[in-house]
Every structure is written in C-alpha cells, then in structure tokens.
Protein backbone atom coordinates (compact mmCIF):
# COMPACT_ATOMS: atom_id res chain seq x y z
CA UNK A 1 2.31 -37.46 -68.96
CA UNK A 2 0.51 -39.20 -66.11
CA UNK A 3 2.27 -41.05 -63.32
CA UNK A 4 1.43 -42.87 -60.08
CA UNK A 5 2.46 -41.40 -56.75
CA UNK A 6 2.28 -42.67 -53.17
CA UNK A 7 2.49 -39.38 -51.23
CA UNK A 8 2.14 -41.09 -47.84
CA UNK A 9 1.11 -44.49 -46.49
CA UNK A 10 -2.43 -45.46 -47.47
CA UNK A 11 -2.70 -43.10 -50.46
CA UNK A 12 -2.23 -43.75 -54.18
CA UNK A 13 -2.74 -40.89 -56.63
CA UNK A 14 -2.57 -40.32 -60.39
CA UNK A 15 -0.68 -37.12 -61.09
CA UNK A 16 0.53 -35.22 -64.14
CA UNK A 17 4.06 -34.08 -64.87
CA UNK A 18 6.53 -33.42 -67.67
CA UNK A 19 7.58 -36.28 -69.91
CA UNK A 20 11.33 -36.98 -69.99
CA UNK A 21 13.44 -35.43 -72.74
CA UNK A 22 16.17 -37.17 -74.77
CA UNK A 23 19.74 -36.97 -73.48
CA UNK A 24 22.99 -38.66 -74.35
CA UNK A 25 23.44 -42.16 -72.95
CA UNK A 26 19.73 -42.55 -72.12
CA UNK A 27 16.69 -43.95 -73.92
CA UNK A 28 13.11 -42.77 -73.64
CA UNK A 29 10.78 -45.69 -72.86
CA UNK A 30 7.02 -46.00 -73.02
CA UNK A 31 6.05 -48.18 -70.09
CA UNK A 32 3.81 -51.13 -71.01
CA UNK A 33 3.29 -53.27 -67.87
CA UNK A 34 4.39 -52.90 -64.27
CA UNK A 35 4.22 -55.37 -61.41
CA UNK A 36 3.30 -54.27 -57.89
CA UNK A 37 6.04 -55.75 -55.72
CA UNK A 38 5.81 -56.66 -52.04
CA UNK A 39 8.00 -53.62 -51.37
CA UNK A 40 5.49 -51.42 -53.26
CA UNK A 41 2.79 -52.88 -51.04
CA UNK A 42 4.97 -52.16 -48.02
CA UNK A 43 5.34 -48.56 -49.23
CA UNK A 44 1.55 -48.32 -49.38
CA UNK A 45 1.16 -49.84 -45.90
CA UNK A 46 4.05 -47.91 -44.35
CA UNK A 47 5.97 -51.05 -43.40
CA UNK A 48 8.89 -50.95 -45.86
CA UNK A 49 12.06 -49.73 -44.11
CA UNK A 50 13.98 -48.39 -47.12
CA UNK A 51 11.37 -46.07 -48.69
CA UNK A 52 10.82 -42.32 -48.32
CA UNK A 53 7.78 -40.24 -49.33
CA UNK A 54 6.41 -38.97 -51.61
CA UNK A 55 7.42 -41.73 -54.02
CA UNK A 56 6.69 -42.84 -57.56
CA UNK A 57 6.65 -46.64 -57.14
CA UNK A 58 7.63 -49.39 -59.52
CA UNK A 59 10.73 -51.39 -60.39
CA UNK A 60 9.20 -54.41 -62.15
CA UNK A 61 8.27 -53.37 -65.67
CA UNK A 62 8.43 -53.79 -69.40
CA UNK A 63 8.59 -50.99 -71.93
CA UNK A 64 9.00 -50.05 -75.57
CA UNK A 65 11.90 -47.91 -76.72
CA UNK A 66 10.55 -44.74 -78.35
CA UNK A 67 13.84 -42.87 -78.65
CA UNK A 68 17.45 -44.02 -78.42
CA UNK A 69 20.65 -42.69 -79.89
CA UNK A 70 23.69 -44.60 -81.11
CA UNK A 71 24.68 -47.25 -78.57
CA UNK A 72 26.82 -50.35 -78.11
CA UNK A 73 24.00 -52.53 -76.77
CA UNK A 74 22.01 -53.25 -79.94
CA UNK A 75 19.09 -51.15 -78.72
CA UNK A 76 16.75 -49.69 -81.31
CA UNK A 77 13.47 -47.84 -81.37
CA UNK A 78 10.41 -50.11 -81.18
CA UNK A 79 12.19 -52.82 -79.19
CA UNK A 80 10.30 -54.33 -76.23
CA UNK A 81 12.61 -54.43 -73.22
CA UNK A 82 12.96 -54.75 -69.48
CA UNK A 83 15.45 -52.94 -67.25
CA UNK A 84 17.73 -53.29 -64.26
CA UNK A 85 16.24 -50.95 -61.61
CA UNK A 86 19.06 -51.07 -59.02
CA UNK A 87 21.31 -48.03 -59.30
CA UNK A 88 24.79 -48.34 -57.81
CA UNK A 89 27.45 -45.70 -57.08
CA UNK A 90 30.38 -47.45 -58.75
CA UNK A 91 32.80 -46.20 -56.07
CA UNK A 92 32.06 -48.03 -52.80
CA UNK A 93 33.89 -51.19 -51.70
CA UNK A 94 31.03 -53.43 -52.89
CA UNK A 95 31.01 -51.83 -56.34
CA UNK A 96 34.79 -51.94 -56.63
CA UNK A 97 34.62 -55.70 -56.03
CA UNK A 98 31.82 -56.17 -58.58
CA UNK A 99 28.99 -56.69 -56.09
CA UNK A 100 26.94 -53.86 -57.53
CA UNK A 101 23.64 -55.43 -56.44
CA UNK A 102 24.51 -54.61 -52.82
CA UNK A 103 26.12 -51.24 -53.36
CA UNK A 104 26.57 -49.42 -50.06
CA UNK A 105 24.57 -46.52 -51.51
CA UNK A 106 22.11 -48.58 -53.57
CA UNK A 107 19.08 -46.74 -54.93
CA UNK A 108 16.33 -48.99 -56.22
CA UNK A 109 13.69 -47.45 -58.46
CA UNK A 110 10.46 -46.95 -56.54
CA UNK A 111 12.26 -47.08 -53.20
CA UNK A 112 15.20 -44.72 -52.66
CA UNK A 113 14.53 -42.99 -56.00
CA UNK A 114 11.41 -42.54 -58.11
CA UNK A 115 10.27 -45.57 -60.02
CA UNK A 116 8.87 -46.61 -63.36
CA UNK A 117 5.11 -46.25 -62.88
CA UNK A 118 4.83 -43.42 -65.40
CA UNK A 119 3.64 -43.32 -68.97
CA UNK A 120 7.21 -42.50 -70.05
CA UNK A 121 10.58 -42.86 -68.33
CA UNK A 122 14.23 -42.22 -69.16
CA UNK A 123 16.75 -45.02 -68.55
CA UNK A 124 20.52 -45.37 -69.05
CA UNK A 125 21.13 -47.55 -72.10
CA UNK A 126 23.38 -49.94 -70.17
CA UNK A 127 20.43 -50.88 -67.92
CA UNK A 128 18.09 -51.84 -70.75
CA UNK A 129 17.81 -55.50 -71.83
CA UNK A 130 16.32 -56.88 -75.03
CA UNK A 131 13.20 -58.96 -74.27
CA UNK A 132 14.05 -61.34 -77.15
CA UNK A 133 10.45 -61.65 -78.25
CA UNK A 134 8.88 -62.33 -74.86
CA UNK A 135 5.50 -60.68 -74.34
CA UNK A 136 5.44 -57.35 -72.53
CA UNK A 137 3.42 -58.89 -69.70
CA UNK A 138 5.89 -61.75 -69.24
CA UNK A 139 8.86 -59.39 -69.37
CA UNK A 140 7.45 -57.36 -66.50
CA UNK A 141 7.80 -60.47 -64.30
CA UNK A 142 11.48 -61.03 -65.06
CA UNK A 143 12.72 -58.73 -62.27
CA UNK A 144 10.99 -60.55 -59.38
CA UNK A 145 12.23 -63.86 -60.81
CA UNK A 146 15.74 -62.36 -60.75
CA UNK A 147 15.40 -61.66 -57.02
CA UNK A 148 14.49 -65.29 -56.36
CA UNK A 149 17.02 -66.72 -58.81
CA UNK A 150 19.85 -64.63 -57.35
CA UNK A 151 18.97 -65.93 -53.87
CA UNK A 152 18.90 -69.53 -55.08
CA UNK A 153 22.36 -69.05 -56.58
CA UNK A 154 23.57 -67.52 -53.30
CA UNK A 155 22.40 -70.71 -51.60
CA UNK A 156 24.57 -72.83 -53.95
CA UNK A 157 21.75 -75.35 -54.23
CA UNK A 158 22.85 -78.80 -55.36
CA UNK A 159 20.73 -81.52 -57.04
CA UNK A 160 18.97 -83.71 -54.50
CA UNK A 161 19.22 -81.26 -51.60
CA UNK A 162 16.19 -80.57 -49.41
CA UNK A 163 15.20 -76.91 -49.68
CA UNK A 164 12.60 -75.11 -47.57
CA UNK A 165 11.05 -71.88 -48.84
CA UNK A 166 9.20 -69.96 -46.10
CA UNK A 167 6.71 -67.70 -47.84
CA UNK A 168 4.64 -68.61 -50.91
CA UNK A 169 4.12 -65.13 -52.31
CA UNK A 170 5.58 -64.22 -55.69
CA UNK A 171 9.21 -64.18 -54.52
CA UNK A 172 8.83 -67.39 -52.52
CA UNK A 173 7.01 -69.14 -55.36
CA UNK A 174 9.69 -68.11 -57.85
CA UNK A 175 12.44 -69.14 -55.42
CA UNK A 176 10.79 -72.56 -55.30
CA UNK A 177 10.71 -72.62 -59.10
CA UNK A 178 14.41 -71.72 -59.25
CA UNK A 179 15.37 -74.34 -56.64
CA UNK A 180 13.30 -77.00 -58.42
CA UNK A 181 15.03 -76.15 -61.71
CA UNK A 182 18.35 -76.67 -59.91
CA UNK A 183 17.30 -80.21 -58.98
CA UNK A 184 16.32 -79.68 -55.35
CA UNK A 185 13.49 -81.38 -53.45
CA UNK A 186 11.48 -78.32 -52.48
CA UNK A 187 9.10 -77.72 -49.59
CA UNK A 188 7.18 -74.45 -49.48
CA UNK A 189 5.56 -73.03 -46.35
CA UNK A 190 2.92 -70.35 -45.86
CA UNK A 191 -0.15 -69.41 -43.80
CA UNK A 192 -2.35 -69.27 -46.94
CA UNK A 193 -3.65 -72.68 -48.11
CA UNK A 194 -4.50 -71.27 -51.57
CA UNK A 195 -0.89 -70.32 -52.24
CA UNK A 196 0.39 -73.71 -51.10
CA UNK A 197 -2.09 -75.49 -53.35
CA UNK A 198 -1.04 -73.29 -56.27
CA UNK A 199 2.65 -74.09 -55.76
CA UNK A 200 1.97 -77.82 -55.52
CA UNK A 201 -0.34 -77.79 -58.55
CA UNK A 202 2.31 -76.05 -60.69
CA UNK A 203 5.04 -78.48 -59.72
CA UNK A 204 7.44 -76.10 -57.97
CA UNK A 205 7.13 -77.87 -54.61
CA UNK A 206 7.10 -81.55 -53.70
CA UNK A 207 5.80 -80.80 -50.20
CA UNK A 208 3.92 -77.99 -48.49
CA UNK A 209 3.62 -76.85 -44.88
CA UNK A 210 0.66 -74.86 -43.60
CA UNK A 211 2.29 -72.68 -40.95
CA UNK A 212 -0.70 -72.48 -38.62
CA UNK A 213 1.35 -72.89 -35.42
CA UNK A 214 4.91 -73.41 -34.28
CA UNK A 215 4.10 -76.99 -33.31
CA UNK A 216 2.55 -77.78 -36.70
CA UNK A 217 5.52 -76.27 -38.51
CA UNK A 218 8.11 -78.20 -36.48
CA UNK A 219 6.22 -81.48 -36.79
CA UNK A 220 5.83 -81.15 -40.56
CA UNK A 221 9.50 -80.20 -41.02
CA UNK A 222 10.59 -83.24 -39.01
CA UNK A 223 8.29 -85.55 -40.97
CA UNK A 224 9.52 -84.31 -44.35
CA UNK A 225 13.21 -84.51 -43.45
CA UNK A 226 13.11 -87.52 -41.13
CA UNK A 227 14.28 -85.21 -38.35
CA UNK A 228 17.46 -84.25 -40.22
CA UNK A 229 16.44 -80.70 -41.14
CA UNK A 230 16.69 -78.94 -44.49
CA UNK A 231 19.96 -78.40 -46.34
CA UNK A 232 18.81 -74.92 -47.35
CA UNK A 233 16.16 -72.66 -45.81
CA UNK A 234 15.11 -69.50 -47.64
CA UNK A 235 13.10 -66.77 -45.87
CA UNK A 236 10.84 -64.88 -48.30
CA UNK A 237 8.38 -63.15 -45.95
CA UNK A 238 10.30 -60.47 -44.09
CA UNK A 239 9.25 -61.35 -40.54
CA UNK A 240 11.37 -62.11 -37.51
CA UNK A 241 9.41 -65.24 -36.60
CA UNK A 242 9.65 -66.76 -40.09
CA UNK A 243 13.40 -66.11 -40.17
CA UNK A 244 13.65 -67.97 -36.86
CA UNK A 245 11.62 -70.80 -38.42
CA UNK A 246 14.39 -71.08 -41.01
CA UNK A 247 17.12 -71.16 -38.33
CA UNK A 248 15.27 -73.89 -36.45
CA UNK A 249 14.43 -75.99 -39.51
CA UNK A 250 17.93 -75.90 -41.00
CA UNK A 251 20.05 -79.02 -40.79
CA UNK A 252 23.36 -79.06 -38.98
CA UNK A 253 25.84 -77.49 -41.45
CA UNK A 254 22.87 -76.08 -43.39
CA UNK A 255 22.49 -72.75 -45.21
CA UNK A 256 19.96 -70.04 -44.42
CA UNK A 257 19.17 -67.35 -47.00
CA UNK A 258 17.34 -64.14 -46.08
CA UNK A 259 15.44 -62.55 -48.98
CA UNK A 260 12.62 -60.93 -47.02
CA UNK A 261 12.83 -57.33 -45.77
CA UNK A 262 11.19 -56.29 -42.50
CA UNK A 263 11.39 -53.81 -39.66
CA UNK A 264 11.24 -56.15 -36.65
CA UNK A 265 14.07 -57.07 -34.30
CA UNK A 266 14.71 -60.71 -33.42
CA UNK A 267 15.75 -62.00 -30.00
CA UNK A 268 16.89 -65.63 -30.09
CA UNK A 269 19.49 -68.05 -28.71
CA UNK A 270 22.19 -67.15 -31.24
CA UNK A 271 24.53 -69.97 -30.16
CA UNK A 272 22.35 -72.25 -32.32
CA UNK A 273 24.30 -70.78 -35.26
CA UNK A 274 27.56 -72.06 -33.79
CA UNK A 275 26.05 -75.33 -32.63
CA UNK A 276 24.69 -76.16 -36.07
CA UNK A 277 27.61 -74.53 -37.90
CA UNK A 278 25.10 -72.66 -40.03
CA UNK A 279 26.02 -70.50 -43.00
CA UNK A 280 23.70 -67.49 -43.09
CA UNK A 281 23.48 -65.33 -46.20
CA UNK A 282 21.60 -62.20 -47.14
CA UNK A 283 20.43 -61.85 -50.72
CA UNK A 284 19.77 -58.40 -52.12
CA UNK A 285 18.56 -57.39 -55.59
CA UNK A 286 20.15 -59.11 -58.60
CA UNK A 287 22.85 -58.59 -61.19
CA UNK A 288 22.84 -58.06 -64.95
CA UNK A 289 23.74 -61.68 -65.62
CA UNK A 290 20.65 -62.81 -63.67
CA UNK A 291 18.41 -60.80 -66.00
CA UNK A 292 20.12 -62.10 -69.13
CA UNK A 293 20.10 -65.72 -67.97
CA UNK A 294 16.42 -65.63 -67.02
CA UNK A 295 15.26 -63.95 -70.23
CA UNK A 296 16.87 -66.87 -72.08
CA UNK A 297 15.49 -69.43 -69.61
CA UNK A 298 11.92 -68.18 -69.99
CA UNK A 299 12.26 -67.86 -73.77
CA UNK A 300 13.36 -71.52 -73.90
CA UNK A 301 10.16 -72.50 -72.05
CA UNK A 302 11.96 -73.69 -68.92
CA UNK A 303 9.98 -71.43 -66.57
CA UNK A 304 6.40 -70.14 -66.62
CA UNK A 305 6.01 -66.59 -65.35
CA UNK A 306 2.53 -65.89 -66.66
CA UNK A 307 1.02 -68.29 -64.14
CA UNK A 308 2.00 -66.01 -61.23
CA UNK A 309 0.07 -63.03 -62.65
CA UNK A 310 -3.16 -62.98 -60.65
CA UNK A 311 -4.77 -59.72 -61.81
CA UNK A 312 -4.11 -56.92 -64.28
CA UNK A 313 -5.49 -53.39 -63.73
CA UNK A 314 -5.40 -50.31 -65.91
CA UNK A 315 -2.83 -48.01 -64.34
CA UNK A 316 -5.51 -45.35 -63.86
CA UNK A 317 -7.09 -47.79 -61.39
CA UNK A 318 -3.88 -47.99 -59.36
CA UNK A 319 -5.55 -47.01 -56.08
CA UNK A 320 -7.97 -49.92 -56.44
CA UNK A 321 -5.13 -52.28 -57.36
CA UNK A 322 -3.18 -51.46 -54.19
CA UNK A 323 -6.29 -51.64 -52.04
CA UNK A 324 -7.27 -55.04 -53.45
CA UNK A 325 -3.74 -56.40 -53.17
CA UNK A 326 -3.53 -55.28 -49.54
CA UNK A 327 -6.88 -56.89 -48.69
CA UNK A 328 -6.31 -60.13 -50.65
CA UNK A 329 -2.68 -60.98 -49.97
CA UNK A 330 -3.64 -64.51 -49.06
CA UNK A 331 -4.93 -65.32 -52.54
CA UNK A 332 -3.09 -62.96 -54.91
CA UNK A 333 0.43 -63.43 -56.23
CA UNK A 334 1.48 -60.88 -58.84
CA UNK A 335 -0.76 -57.88 -59.41
CA UNK A 336 0.10 -55.93 -62.56
CA UNK A 337 -0.73 -52.56 -64.05
CA UNK A 338 -1.24 -52.05 -67.79
CA UNK A 339 -0.04 -48.64 -68.95
CA UNK A 340 -1.08 -48.70 -72.60
C-alpha cells in the first residue's frame, strides 16, 4: 500500500509499505478522507512540540471497514466509520480516574505514533465509531469538532454568557460553533479578515475582532463587553501573546481555556490571575462520549461541518496540499485528502 510520510520538517513524501494484516481485536480499514490538522501543519513546519520524525501524519479521518471479526460494538464489514486517535496507557493516574484524553503517556496518531494517512490501517475495535450514515467527508471532520466541543464543555459555558474565541482557524471556528449551540454570545478574534467574515456569515459569532494591534484588540473587547470583560476566553492559536490576550480580556471571576499548542514561553504579571480570581483550564484531545454526541448532533442537522472544508486534494498530491496550506493559512480552514 501507499502512505504519506513527513521524514523531516519541510518534506512530504509518498512511500510504499506492507498493508496491515488481520488480528484479533482489530479491524482493517480502508481510509477514505483525512483532514490536515494544525498539528500536522506544525509537523511540516517543525513547530509542533509533541512530534518526532519520521512520522506518518493524520488523526482526522473516515474509513470503511474491510475486515472485522466478531465484536461487541456492532461493527461490520462495509460500514463507514470514524475513529478515536488518542491512545492511552490505562494505568497512569489520569487513566485510573477516567481522564483518558489526558493520559500521562498519551500517544496521538500522527504525533507520538504513526497516523492514519495510509491506504489501509489497523485499528482496535473499541476505537471505531459508526458514522450513522454521515458522508465520509463529513465524518473526517468529526475529530476536530470533538477537540473544540470538549474545550467548550471544559469551560462550562452557560446560556447568555459572553465568550471570546481567539483564533478563527478550524478549531477556533468549531469552538465558536459549539459555544453558540450552548447559548453563548460569541466573539471571535483573528488576524485574517477572511476568516472573521466567514464566521460571521455562518452565524457562529455575533461579533468579530480583527487583532491588528494590542490597542485595537483591547478597545474592541471593551466595546463589546462594556468594559466588563468576557465570561469565557478560549485560546485556539497556540501563541504566548494570544494566550495573554485571553488573560487580559477575561472578566473578573472569568474562565480561560487553552486549546492551542505552542513552543513559546510567556512572561507576564501572574498576580492578575489572583486579582481577577481567574479559573484557567487546559483542554486536551477528547473522549469517546464527545465523538458519539457529535455524530448524533451533526446527523440531526444541528451543526454544519462541510462548510469548514476549504479544499480537497488527492492523497498523492499531499506535498502540494501541505505547501498550499502553509502558504494560505489566512484563507484556508480545513484542507482534506481523498484516499480513494
């Protein structure tokens, strides 16, 4: 079979290797669509802190089951599915308490272990979820929605609260969609006017902030909140300065949620956390229930994932897809690969 490999930053190659063989407790899947995540882009650019090389990327995908044995999950050959790509150890303190999404020894496909961007993959049956009739392309966008949805649940968003999302890429856009569905008044912030216009047009944000300077950001935040600050601020960029924007824009007794992943250190007057009595949360990965809830939510027509898909490339054109995504981050949301 053919598969995609990033051997080092700046390189994407199509290679050939052995297809997986059947084994007990696993299913063989034919990959259909895969989404290039911001972390996959970071792997390509050499900016993602968790990855090692060489690496087969990919953790957002849909697939068709081509072989599966007897199982307790209702899985059968021919079924179109998506999968949970976060592998946990089952033994650490986080796992023992049920927080498997932030396992101490977490291995996410395409990051700490090889990913799904192959013609065929093998997956444990307990990580495979029925797509319930959703299209293969839509199903491939469930995983990034899970990241955003899990973060919105971490924030405990209540109807009527003012929520700021810093970052209008795919994760930020979907976080805005999740917060809006929870009844919040959402403001989304970015440096790309096209992404802000897209979010406003699709109804996931009541207000937008073009983050062209610190002064412009602060002034807009004050105008939108009447100087009170936001009840919830969610960072979806992965930069030190945008995280600090969230700290500064949060209301007294507000909540700050960090979704973004970056390599930079941040030096700031930390006593602002005590002064404002802020609650600061990290949000990592997602859990099985997030996948199951969102598959139902999208099937019921309560969320549109297809609108975030900007471009689809044949997987054999993967190098071009990464190059284009890197050069056009300001205008592209989700870039996908079609495997068959």
